[in-house]
PDB file of all heavy atoms in Angstrom:
ATOM      1  N   LYS A   1       0.059  -2.135  -4.637  1.00  0.00           N
ATOM      2  CA  LYS A   1      -0.271  -1.513  -5.861  1.00  0.00           C
ATOM      3  C   LYS A   1      -0.096  -2.309  -7.061  1.00  0.00           C
ATOM      4  O   LYS A   1      -0.636  -2.126  -8.082  1.00  0.00           O
ATOM      5  CB  LYS A   1       0.525  -0.242  -5.911  1.00  0.00           C
ATOM      6  CG  LYS A   1       0.281   0.865  -4.917  1.00  0.00           C
ATOM      7  CD  LYS A   1       1.068   2.150  -5.105  1.00  0.00           C
ATOM      8  CE  LYS A   1       0.618   3.231  -4.043  1.00  0.00           C
ATOM      9  NZ  LYS A   1       1.402   4.505  -4.306  1.00  0.00           N
ATOM     10  N   ARG A   2       0.708  -3.377  -6.898  1.00  0.00           N
ATOM     11  CA  ARG A   2       1.169  -4.256  -8.079  1.00  0.00           C
ATOM     12  C   ARG A   2       0.197  -5.369  -8.203  1.00  0.00           C
ATOM     13  O   ARG A   2       0.077  -6.003  -9.177  1.00  0.00           O
ATOM     14  CB  ARG A   2       2.482  -4.738  -7.856  1.00  0.00           C
ATOM     15  CG  ARG A   2       3.707  -3.839  -7.882  1.00  0.00           C
ATOM     16  CD  ARG A   2       3.916  -3.313  -9.293  1.00  0.00           C
ATOM     17  NE  ARG A   2       4.973  -2.308  -9.350  1.00  0.00           N
ATOM     18  CZ  ARG A   2       5.208  -1.521 -10.338  1.00  0.00           C
ATOM     19  NH1 ARG A   2       4.542  -1.864 -11.556  1.00  0.00           N
ATOM     20  NH2 ARG A   2       6.120  -0.740 -10.493  1.00  0.00           N
ATOM     21  N   ASP A   3      -0.583  -5.805  -7.119  1.00  0.00           N
ATOM     22  CA  ASP A   3      -1.458  -6.882  -7.110  1.00  0.00           C
ATOM     23  C   ASP A   3      -2.666  -6.771  -8.047  1.00  0.00           C
ATOM     24  O   ASP A   3      -3.089  -7.709  -8.650  1.00  0.00           O
ATOM     25  CB  ASP A   3      -2.098  -7.093  -5.730  1.00  0.00           C
ATOM     26  CG  ASP A   3      -1.011  -7.630  -4.752  1.00  0.00           C
ATOM     27  OD1 ASP A   3      -0.145  -8.301  -5.226  1.00  0.00           O
ATOM     28  OD2 ASP A   3      -1.094  -7.249  -3.545  1.00  0.00           O
ATOM     29  N   GLY A   4      -3.227  -5.515  -8.234  1.00  0.00           N
ATOM     30  CA  GLY A   4      -4.405  -5.329  -9.017  1.00  0.00           C
ATOM     31  C   GLY A   4      -4.270  -5.802 -10.484  1.00  0.00           C
ATOM     32  O   GLY A   4      -4.879  -6.680 -10.852  1.00  0.00           O
ATOM     33  N   ASP A   5      -3.514  -5.032 -11.298  1.00  0.00           N
ATOM     34  CA  ASP A   5      -3.483  -5.262 -12.659  1.00  0.00           C
ATOM     35  C   ASP A   5      -2.831  -6.714 -12.873  1.00  0.00           C
ATOM     36  O   ASP A   5      -3.170  -7.453 -13.874  1.00  0.00           O
ATOM     37  CB  ASP A   5      -2.578  -4.309 -13.456  1.00  0.00           C
ATOM     38  CG  ASP A   5      -3.434  -2.977 -13.655  1.00  0.00           C
ATOM     39  OD1 ASP A   5      -4.697  -3.076 -13.595  1.00  0.00           O
ATOM     40  OD2 ASP A   5      -2.800  -1.901 -13.631  1.00  0.00           O
ATOM     41  N   LYS A   6      -1.997  -7.162 -11.889  1.00  0.00           N
ATOM     42  CA  LYS A   6      -1.495  -8.499 -12.037  1.00  0.00           C
ATOM     43  C   LYS A   6      -2.554  -9.587 -11.948  1.00  0.00           C
ATOM     44  O   LYS A   6      -2.453 -10.595 -12.591  1.00  0.00           O
ATOM     45  CB  LYS A   6      -0.357  -8.645 -10.926  1.00  0.00           C
ATOM     46  CG  LYS A   6       0.334 -10.049 -11.055  1.00  0.00           C
ATOM     47  CD  LYS A   6       1.614  -9.949 -10.122  1.00  0.00           C
ATOM     48  CE  LYS A   6       1.207 -10.062  -8.680  1.00  0.00           C
ATOM     49  NZ  LYS A   6       2.320 -10.047  -7.756  1.00  0.00           N
ATOM     50  N   LEU A   7      -3.413  -9.329 -10.961  1.00  0.00           N
ATOM     51  CA  LEU A   7      -4.548 -10.336 -10.733  1.00  0.00           C
ATOM     52  C   LEU A   7      -5.771  -9.989 -11.436  1.00  0.00           C
ATOM     53  O   LEU A   7      -6.765 -10.676 -11.295  1.00  0.00           O
ATOM     54  CB  LEU A   7      -4.817 -10.517  -9.246  1.00  0.00           C
ATOM     55  CG  LEU A   7      -3.570 -10.911  -8.395  1.00  0.00           C
ATOM     56  CD1 LEU A   7      -3.837 -10.910  -6.935  1.00  0.00           C
ATOM     57  CD2 LEU A   7      -3.220 -12.366  -8.780  1.00  0.00           C
ATOM     58  N   GLY A   8      -5.873  -8.896 -12.143  1.00  0.00           N
ATOM     59  CA  GLY A   8      -7.028  -8.597 -13.024  1.00  0.00           C
ATOM     60  C   GLY A   8      -8.169  -7.775 -12.352  1.00  0.00           C
ATOM     61  O   GLY A   8      -9.262  -7.849 -12.746  1.00  0.00           O
ATOM     62  N   PHE A   9      -7.820  -6.906 -11.419  1.00  0.00           N
ATOM     63  CA  PHE A   9      -8.768  -6.084 -10.777  1.00  0.00           C
ATOM     64  C   PHE A   9      -8.044  -4.664 -10.484  1.00  0.00           C
ATOM     65  O   PHE A   9      -6.907  -4.669 -10.159  1.00  0.00           O
ATOM     66  CB  PHE A   9      -9.457  -6.624  -9.614  1.00  0.00           C
ATOM     67  CG  PHE A   9      -8.454  -6.983  -8.466  1.00  0.00           C
ATOM     68  CD1 PHE A   9      -8.061  -6.090  -7.570  1.00  0.00           C
ATOM     69  CD2 PHE A   9      -7.979  -8.258  -8.334  1.00  0.00           C
ATOM     70  CE1 PHE A   9      -7.262  -6.440  -6.471  1.00  0.00           C
ATOM     71  CE2 PHE A   9      -7.080  -8.664  -7.520  1.00  0.00           C
ATOM     72  CZ  PHE A   9      -6.735  -7.727  -6.456  1.00  0.00           C
ATOM     73  N   PRO A  10      -8.794  -3.602 -10.383  1.00  0.00           N
ATOM     74  CA  PRO A  10      -8.108  -2.363 -10.039  1.00  0.00           C
ATOM     75  C   PRO A  10      -7.741  -2.201  -8.487  1.00  0.00           C
ATOM     76  O   PRO A  10      -8.509  -2.854  -7.728  1.00  0.00           O
ATOM     77  CB  PRO A  10      -9.221  -1.281 -10.345  1.00  0.00           C
ATOM     78  CG  PRO A  10     -10.310  -1.969 -11.121  1.00  0.00           C
ATOM     79  CD  PRO A  10     -10.195  -3.441 -10.649  1.00  0.00           C
ATOM     80  N   VAL A  11      -6.813  -1.508  -8.211  1.00  0.00           N
ATOM     81  CA  VAL A  11      -6.512  -1.131  -6.816  1.00  0.00           C
ATOM     82  C   VAL A  11      -6.378   0.392  -6.569  1.00  0.00           C
ATOM     83  O   VAL A  11      -6.052   0.878  -5.578  1.00  0.00           O
ATOM     84  CB  VAL A  11      -5.239  -1.741  -6.276  1.00  0.00           C
ATOM     85  CG1 VAL A  11      -5.348  -3.224  -6.257  1.00  0.00           C
ATOM     86  CG2 VAL A  11      -3.966  -1.379  -7.135  1.00  0.00           C
ATOM     87  N   PHE A  12      -6.834   1.089  -7.760  1.00  0.00           N
ATOM     88  CA  PHE A  12      -7.003   2.520  -7.640  1.00  0.00           C
ATOM     89  C   PHE A  12      -8.368   3.044  -7.926  1.00  0.00           C
ATOM     90  O   PHE A  12      -9.132   2.364  -8.751  1.00  0.00           O
ATOM     91  CB  PHE A  12      -5.919   3.183  -8.686  1.00  0.00           C
ATOM     92  CG  PHE A  12      -4.609   2.783  -8.466  1.00  0.00           C
ATOM     93  CD1 PHE A  12      -3.845   2.037  -9.331  1.00  0.00           C
ATOM     94  CD2 PHE A  12      -3.964   3.151  -7.294  1.00  0.00           C
ATOM     95  CE1 PHE A  12      -2.491   1.714  -9.100  1.00  0.00           C
ATOM     96  CE2 PHE A  12      -2.591   2.815  -7.004  1.00  0.00           C
ATOM     97  CZ  PHE A  12      -1.827   2.056  -8.025  1.00  0.00           C
ATOM     98  N   PRO A  13      -8.845   4.074  -7.477  1.00  0.00           N
ATOM     99  CA  PRO A  13     -10.211   4.558  -7.852  1.00  0.00           C
ATOM    100  C   PRO A  13     -10.424   4.985  -9.214  1.00  0.00           C
ATOM    101  O   PRO A  13     -11.505   4.745  -9.814  1.00  0.00           O
ATOM    102  CB  PRO A  13     -10.533   5.783  -6.912  1.00  0.00           C
ATOM    103  CG  PRO A  13      -9.075   6.224  -6.409  1.00  0.00           C
ATOM    104  CD  PRO A  13      -8.166   5.027  -6.478  1.00  0.00           C
ATOM    105  N   LEU A  14      -9.271   5.707  -9.785  1.00  0.00           N
ATOM    106  CA  LEU A  14      -9.307   6.164 -11.102  1.00  0.00           C
ATOM    107  C   LEU A  14      -8.219   5.570 -11.998  1.00  0.00           C
ATOM    108  O   LEU A  14      -7.259   5.288 -11.406  1.00  0.00           O
ATOM    109  CB  LEU A  14      -9.321   7.763 -11.250  1.00  0.00           C
ATOM    110  CG  LEU A  14     -10.157   8.408 -10.117  1.00  0.00           C
ATOM    111  CD1 LEU A  14      -9.922   9.928 -10.282  1.00  0.00           C
ATOM    112  CD2 LEU A  14     -11.627   8.238 -10.292  1.00  0.00           C
ATOM    113  N   ASN A  15      -8.211   5.613 -13.239  1.00  0.00           N
ATOM    114  CA  ASN A  15      -7.171   5.361 -14.083  1.00  0.00           C
ATOM    115  C   ASN A  15      -6.046   6.320 -13.750  1.00  0.00           C
ATOM    116  O   ASN A  15      -6.192   7.467 -13.427  1.00  0.00           O
ATOM    117  CB  ASN A  15      -7.508   5.518 -15.592  1.00  0.00           C
ATOM    118  CG  ASN A  15      -8.193   4.301 -16.239  1.00  0.00           C
ATOM    119  OD1 ASN A  15      -8.468   3.312 -15.427  1.00  0.00           O
ATOM    120  ND2 ASN A  15      -8.474   4.309 -17.373  1.00  0.00           N
ATOM    121  N   TRP A  16      -4.789   5.727 -13.955  1.00  0.00           N
ATOM    122  CA  TRP A  16      -3.605   6.563 -13.606  1.00  0.00           C
ATOM    123  C   TRP A  16      -2.490   6.233 -14.683  1.00  0.00           C
ATOM    124  O   TRP A  16      -2.357   5.002 -14.924  1.00  0.00           O
ATOM    125  CB  TRP A  16      -3.104   6.247 -12.236  1.00  0.00           C
ATOM    126  CG  TRP A  16      -1.665   6.886 -11.950  1.00  0.00           C
ATOM    127  CD1 TRP A  16      -0.579   6.248 -11.879  1.00  0.00           C
ATOM    128  CD2 TRP A  16      -1.396   8.164 -11.512  1.00  0.00           C
ATOM    129  NE1 TRP A  16       0.549   7.098 -11.544  1.00  0.00           N
ATOM    130  CE2 TRP A  16      -0.039   8.326 -11.309  1.00  0.00           C
ATOM    131  CE3 TRP A  16      -2.177   9.391 -11.378  1.00  0.00           C
ATOM    132  CZ2 TRP A  16       0.585   9.573 -11.038  1.00  0.00           C
ATOM    133  CZ3 TRP A  16      -1.570  10.525 -11.077  1.00  0.00           C
ATOM    134  CH2 TRP A  16      -0.182  10.626 -10.870  1.00  0.00           C
ATOM    135  N   ILE A  17      -1.900   7.255 -15.207  1.00  0.00           N
ATOM    136  CA  ILE A  17      -0.651   7.006 -16.043  1.00  0.00           C
ATOM    137  C   ILE A  17       0.473   7.723 -15.410  1.00  0.00           C
ATOM    138  O   ILE A  17       0.303   8.894 -15.128  1.00  0.00           O
ATOM    139  CB  ILE A  17      -0.966   7.605 -17.476  1.00  0.00           C
ATOM    140  CG1 ILE A  17      -2.137   6.890 -18.130  1.00  0.00           C
ATOM    141  CG2 ILE A  17       0.339   7.416 -18.358  1.00  0.00           C
ATOM    142  CD1 ILE A  17      -2.488   7.435 -19.489  1.00  0.00           C
ATOM    143  N   ASP A  18       1.468   6.973 -15.080  1.00  0.00           N
ATOM    144  CA  ASP A  18       2.637   7.565 -14.346  1.00  0.00           C
ATOM    145  C   ASP A  18       3.280   8.610 -15.341  1.00  0.00           C
ATOM    146  O   ASP A  18       3.596   8.247 -16.548  1.00  0.00           O
ATOM    147  CB  ASP A  18       3.557   6.412 -14.060  1.00  0.00           C
ATOM    148  CG  ASP A  18       4.847   6.931 -13.247  1.00  0.00           C
ATOM    149  OD1 ASP A  18       5.646   7.657 -13.780  1.00  0.00           O
ATOM    150  OD2 ASP A  18       4.703   6.628 -12.019  1.00  0.00           O
ATOM    151  N   PRO A  19       3.373   9.832 -14.823  1.00  0.00           N
ATOM    152  CA  PRO A  19       3.993  10.853 -15.709  1.00  0.00           C
ATOM    153  C   PRO A  19       5.548  10.690 -16.146  1.00  0.00           C
ATOM    154  O   PRO A  19       6.018  11.221 -17.026  1.00  0.00           O
ATOM    155  CB  PRO A  19       3.804  12.190 -14.932  1.00  0.00           C
ATOM    156  CG  PRO A  19       3.762  11.672 -13.612  1.00  0.00           C
ATOM    157  CD  PRO A  19       3.119  10.371 -13.506  1.00  0.00           C
ATOM    158  N   ILE A  20       6.095   9.799 -15.315  1.00  0.00           N
ATOM    159  CA  ILE A  20       7.603   9.530 -15.623  1.00  0.00           C
ATOM    160  C   ILE A  20       7.828   8.336 -16.422  1.00  0.00           C
ATOM    161  O   ILE A  20       8.404   8.275 -17.463  1.00  0.00           O
ATOM    162  CB  ILE A  20       8.341   9.431 -14.403  1.00  0.00           C
ATOM    163  CG1 ILE A  20       8.188  10.775 -13.551  1.00  0.00           C
ATOM    164  CG2 ILE A  20       9.952   9.182 -14.655  1.00  0.00           C
ATOM    165  CD1 ILE A  20       8.643  10.746 -12.139  1.00  0.00           C
ATOM    166  N   SER A  21       7.147   7.207 -15.962  1.00  0.00           N
ATOM    167  CA  SER A  21       7.446   5.893 -16.724  1.00  0.00           C
ATOM    168  C   SER A  21       6.421   5.649 -17.901  1.00  0.00           C
ATOM    169  O   SER A  21       6.632   4.878 -18.761  1.00  0.00           O
ATOM    170  CB  SER A  21       7.350   4.849 -15.721  1.00  0.00           C
ATOM    171  OG  SER A  21       5.982   4.560 -15.132  1.00  0.00           O
ATOM    172  N   GLY A  22       5.275   6.331 -17.766  1.00  0.00           N
ATOM    173  CA  GLY A  22       4.183   6.113 -18.686  1.00  0.00           C
ATOM    174  C   GLY A  22       3.438   4.854 -18.482  1.00  0.00           C
ATOM    175  O   GLY A  22       2.542   4.500 -19.156  1.00  0.00           O
ATOM    176  N   GLU A  23       3.752   4.223 -17.339  1.00  0.00           N
ATOM    177  CA  GLU A  23       3.079   2.966 -16.921  1.00  0.00           C
ATOM    178  C   GLU A  23       1.611   3.273 -16.576  1.00  0.00           C
ATOM    179  O   GLU A  23       1.300   4.277 -15.824  1.00  0.00           O
ATOM    180  CB  GLU A  23       3.612   2.272 -15.728  1.00  0.00           C
ATOM    181  CG  GLU A  23       3.089   1.023 -15.264  1.00  0.00           C
ATOM    182  CD  GLU A  23       3.703   0.369 -14.005  1.00  0.00           C
ATOM    183  OE1 GLU A  23       4.646   1.043 -13.500  1.00  0.00           O
ATOM    184  OE2 GLU A  23       3.306  -0.664 -13.729  1.00  0.00           O
ATOM    185  N   ALA A  24       0.666   2.447 -17.167  1.00  0.00           N
ATOM    186  CA  ALA A  24      -0.798   2.783 -16.939  1.00  0.00           C
ATOM    187  C   ALA A  24      -1.277   1.765 -15.815  1.00  0.00           C
ATOM    188  O   ALA A  24      -0.964   0.590 -15.958  1.00  0.00           O
ATOM    189  CB  ALA A  24      -1.624   2.619 -18.279  1.00  0.00           C
ATOM    190  N   SER A  25      -2.203   2.304 -15.027  1.00  0.00           N
ATOM    191  CA  SER A  25      -2.918   1.519 -14.008  1.00  0.00           C
ATOM    192  C   SER A  25      -4.335   1.754 -14.109  1.00  0.00           C
ATOM    193  O   SER A  25      -4.823   2.780 -14.310  1.00  0.00           O
ATOM    194  CB  SER A  25      -2.350   1.685 -12.621  1.00  0.00           C
ATOM    195  OG  SER A  25      -1.028   1.497 -12.519  1.00  0.00           O
ATOM    196  N   SER A  26      -5.199   0.662 -14.095  1.00  0.00           N
ATOM    197  CA  SER A  26      -6.660   0.797 -14.234  1.00  0.00           C
ATOM    198  C   SER A  26      -7.288   1.254 -12.922  1.00  0.00           C
ATOM    199  O   SER A  26      -6.853   0.986 -11.837  1.00  0.00           O
ATOM    200  CB  SER A  26      -7.263  -0.465 -14.651  1.00  0.00           C
ATOM    201  OG  SER A  26      -7.023  -1.495 -13.659  1.00  0.00           O
ATOM    202  N   GLY A  27      -8.429   2.005 -13.087  1.00  0.00           N
ATOM    203  CA  GLY A  27      -9.215   2.401 -11.987  1.00  0.00           C
ATOM    204  C   GLY A  27     -10.538   1.927 -11.957  1.00  0.00           C
ATOM    205  O   GLY A  27     -11.111   1.412 -12.950  1.00  0.00           O
ATOM    206  N   TYR A  28     -11.275   2.014 -10.851  1.00  0.00           N
ATOM    207  CA  TYR A  28     -12.586   1.459 -10.599  1.00  0.00           C
ATOM    208  C   TYR A  28     -13.544   2.235 -11.559  1.00  0.00           C
ATOM    209  O   TYR A  28     -14.491   1.655 -12.042  1.00  0.00           O
ATOM    210  CB  TYR A  28     -13.056   1.496  -9.188  1.00  0.00           C
ATOM    211  CG  TYR A  28     -12.513   0.301  -8.487  1.00  0.00           C
ATOM    212  CD1 TYR A  28     -11.307   0.253  -7.774  1.00  0.00           C
ATOM    213  CD2 TYR A  28     -13.305  -0.903  -8.473  1.00  0.00           C
ATOM    214  CE1 TYR A  28     -10.898  -0.869  -7.090  1.00  0.00           C
ATOM    215  CE2 TYR A  28     -12.867  -2.048  -7.761  1.00  0.00           C
ATOM    216  CZ  TYR A  28     -11.632  -1.925  -7.181  1.00  0.00           C
ATOM    217  OH  TYR A  28     -11.134  -3.120  -6.506  1.00  0.00           O
ATOM    218  N   ARG A  29     -13.424   3.539 -11.614  1.00  0.00           N
ATOM    219  CA  ARG A  29     -14.400   4.422 -12.431  1.00  0.00           C
ATOM    220  C   ARG A  29     -14.360   3.977 -13.834  1.00  0.00           C
ATOM    221  O   ARG A  29     -15.406   3.657 -14.490  1.00  0.00           O
ATOM    222  CB  ARG A  29     -13.992   5.912 -12.331  1.00  0.00           C
ATOM    223  CG  ARG A  29     -14.908   6.793 -13.114  1.00  0.00           C
ATOM    224  CD  ARG A  29     -14.622   8.226 -12.914  1.00  0.00           C
ATOM    225  NE  ARG A  29     -13.270   8.593 -13.499  1.00  0.00           N
ATOM    226  CZ  ARG A  29     -12.700   9.715 -13.409  1.00  0.00           C
ATOM    227  NH1 ARG A  29     -13.302  10.719 -12.762  1.00  0.00           N
ATOM    228  NH2 ARG A  29     -11.615  10.106 -14.045  1.00  0.00           N
ATOM    229  N   GLU A  30     -13.163   3.828 -14.444  1.00  0.00           N
ATOM    230  CA  GLU A  30     -13.060   3.543 -15.873  1.00  0.00           C
ATOM    231  C   GLU A  30     -13.443   2.025 -16.164  1.00  0.00           C
ATOM    232  O   GLU A  30     -13.822   1.687 -17.265  1.00  0.00           O
ATOM    233  CB  GLU A  30     -11.729   3.781 -16.401  1.00  0.00           C
ATOM    234  CG  GLU A  30     -11.419   5.258 -16.539  1.00  0.00           C
ATOM    235  CD  GLU A  30     -11.094   5.910 -15.031  1.00  0.00           C
ATOM    236  OE1 GLU A  30     -10.846   5.268 -14.133  1.00  0.00           O
ATOM    237  OE2 GLU A  30     -11.096   7.169 -15.063  1.00  0.00           O
ATOM    238  N   LYS A  31     -13.348   1.186 -15.095  1.00  0.00           N
ATOM    239  CA  LYS A  31     -13.713  -0.215 -15.313  1.00  0.00           C
ATOM    240  C   LYS A  31     -15.217  -0.434 -15.177  1.00  0.00           C
ATOM    241  O   LYS A  31     -15.758  -1.506 -15.347  1.00  0.00           O
ATOM    242  CB  LYS A  31     -13.062  -1.096 -14.176  1.00  0.00           C
ATOM    243  CG  LYS A  31     -11.631  -1.445 -14.448  1.00  0.00           C
ATOM    244  CD  LYS A  31     -11.376  -2.391 -15.428  1.00  0.00           C
ATOM    245  CE  LYS A  31      -9.933  -2.902 -15.572  1.00  0.00           C
ATOM    246  NZ  LYS A  31      -9.750  -3.944 -16.612  1.00  0.00           N
ATOM    247  N   GLY A  32     -15.995   0.689 -14.935  1.00  0.00           N
ATOM    248  CA  GLY A  32     -17.424   0.594 -14.870  1.00  0.00           C
ATOM    249  C   GLY A  32     -18.008   0.417 -13.533  1.00  0.00           C
ATOM    250  O   GLY A  32     -19.285   0.149 -13.367  1.00  0.00           O
ATOM    251  N   PHE A  33     -17.370   0.566 -12.538  1.00  0.00           N
ATOM    252  CA  PHE A  33     -17.767   0.394 -11.119  1.00  0.00           C
ATOM    253  C   PHE A  33     -18.448   1.776 -10.779  1.00  0.00           C
ATOM    254  O   PHE A  33     -18.110   2.782 -11.201  1.00  0.00           O
ATOM    255  CB  PHE A  33     -16.691   0.108 -10.034  1.00  0.00           C
ATOM    256  CG  PHE A  33     -16.252  -1.310 -10.103  1.00  0.00           C
ATOM    257  CD1 PHE A  33     -15.316  -1.721 -10.960  1.00  0.00           C
ATOM    258  CD2 PHE A  33     -16.728  -2.302  -9.190  1.00  0.00           C
ATOM    259  CE1 PHE A  33     -14.811  -3.194 -11.070  1.00  0.00           C
ATOM    260  CE2 PHE A  33     -16.325  -3.631  -9.153  1.00  0.00           C
ATOM    261  CZ  PHE A  33     -15.394  -3.967 -10.142  1.00  0.00           C
ATOM    262  N   TYR A  34     -19.569   1.719  -9.962  1.00  0.00           N
ATOM    263  CA  TYR A  34     -20.099   2.862  -9.463  1.00  0.00           C
ATOM    264  C   TYR A  34     -19.554   3.319  -8.220  1.00  0.00           C
ATOM    265  O   TYR A  34     -19.080   2.511  -7.365  1.00  0.00           O
ATOM    266  CB  TYR A  34     -21.655   2.605  -9.183  1.00  0.00           C
ATOM    267  CG  TYR A  34     -22.384   2.313 -10.605  1.00  0.00           C
ATOM    268  CD1 TYR A  34     -22.666   1.054 -10.936  1.00  0.00           C
ATOM    269  CD2 TYR A  34     -22.692   3.453 -11.415  1.00  0.00           C
ATOM    270  CE1 TYR A  34     -23.320   0.873 -12.181  1.00  0.00           C
ATOM    271  CE2 TYR A  34     -23.322   3.261 -12.604  1.00  0.00           C
ATOM    272  CZ  TYR A  34     -23.656   1.979 -13.042  1.00  0.00           C
ATOM    273  OH  TYR A  34     -24.238   1.683 -14.193  1.00  0.00           O
ATOM    274  N   PRO A  35     -19.484   4.573  -7.946  1.00  0.00           N
ATOM    275  CA  PRO A  35     -18.871   5.010  -6.688  1.00  0.00           C
ATOM    276  C   PRO A  35     -19.596   4.432  -5.474  1.00  0.00           C
ATOM    277  O   PRO A  35     -18.937   4.122  -4.463  1.00  0.00           O
ATOM    278  CB  PRO A  35     -19.064   6.630  -6.629  1.00  0.00           C
ATOM    279  CG  PRO A  35     -20.065   6.861  -7.856  1.00  0.00           C
ATOM    280  CD  PRO A  35     -19.951   5.806  -8.797  1.00  0.00           C
ATOM    281  N   GLU A  36     -20.856   4.307  -5.535  1.00  0.00           N
ATOM    282  CA  GLU A  36     -21.677   3.628  -4.510  1.00  0.00           C
ATOM    283  C   GLU A  36     -21.049   2.197  -4.170  1.00  0.00           C
ATOM    284  O   GLU A  36     -21.034   1.740  -2.978  1.00  0.00           O
ATOM    285  CB  GLU A  36     -23.131   3.556  -4.737  1.00  0.00           C
ATOM    286  CG  GLU A  36     -23.760   4.928  -4.894  1.00  0.00           C
ATOM    287  CD  GLU A  36     -23.873   5.307  -6.360  1.00  0.00           C
ATOM    288  OE1 GLU A  36     -22.919   4.789  -7.108  1.00  0.00           O
ATOM    289  OE2 GLU A  36     -24.791   5.983  -6.672  1.00  0.00           O
ATOM    290  N   THR A  37     -20.634   1.470  -5.142  1.00  0.00           N
ATOM    291  CA  THR A  37     -20.242   0.155  -5.177  1.00  0.00           C
ATOM    292  C   THR A  37     -18.824   0.183  -4.301  1.00  0.00           C
ATOM    293  O   THR A  37     -18.618  -0.608  -3.305  1.00  0.00           O
ATOM    294  CB  THR A  37     -19.909  -0.476  -6.458  1.00  0.00           C
ATOM    295  OG1 THR A  37     -21.043  -0.543  -7.232  1.00  0.00           O
ATOM    296  CG2 THR A  37     -19.291  -1.754  -6.417  1.00  0.00           C
ATOM    297  N   VAL A  38     -18.042   1.149  -4.744  1.00  0.00           N
ATOM    298  CA  VAL A  38     -16.577   1.173  -4.119  1.00  0.00           C
ATOM    299  C   VAL A  38     -16.805   1.500  -2.637  1.00  0.00           C
ATOM    300  O   VAL A  38     -16.094   0.918  -1.750  1.00  0.00           O
ATOM    301  CB  VAL A  38     -15.724   2.133  -4.753  1.00  0.00           C
ATOM    302  CG1 VAL A  38     -14.380   2.234  -4.217  1.00  0.00           C
ATOM    303  CG2 VAL A  38     -15.605   1.842  -6.269  1.00  0.00           C
TER     304      VAL A  38
END
């Protein structure tokens, strides 16, 4: 889970904000990828 944002690509399908830490992780949908691509 840590590799994506560290290396500059998503590892989650959708954006996620951790409700406890507030840490944000990027998702394929919000990065502009199409579901067919994924």
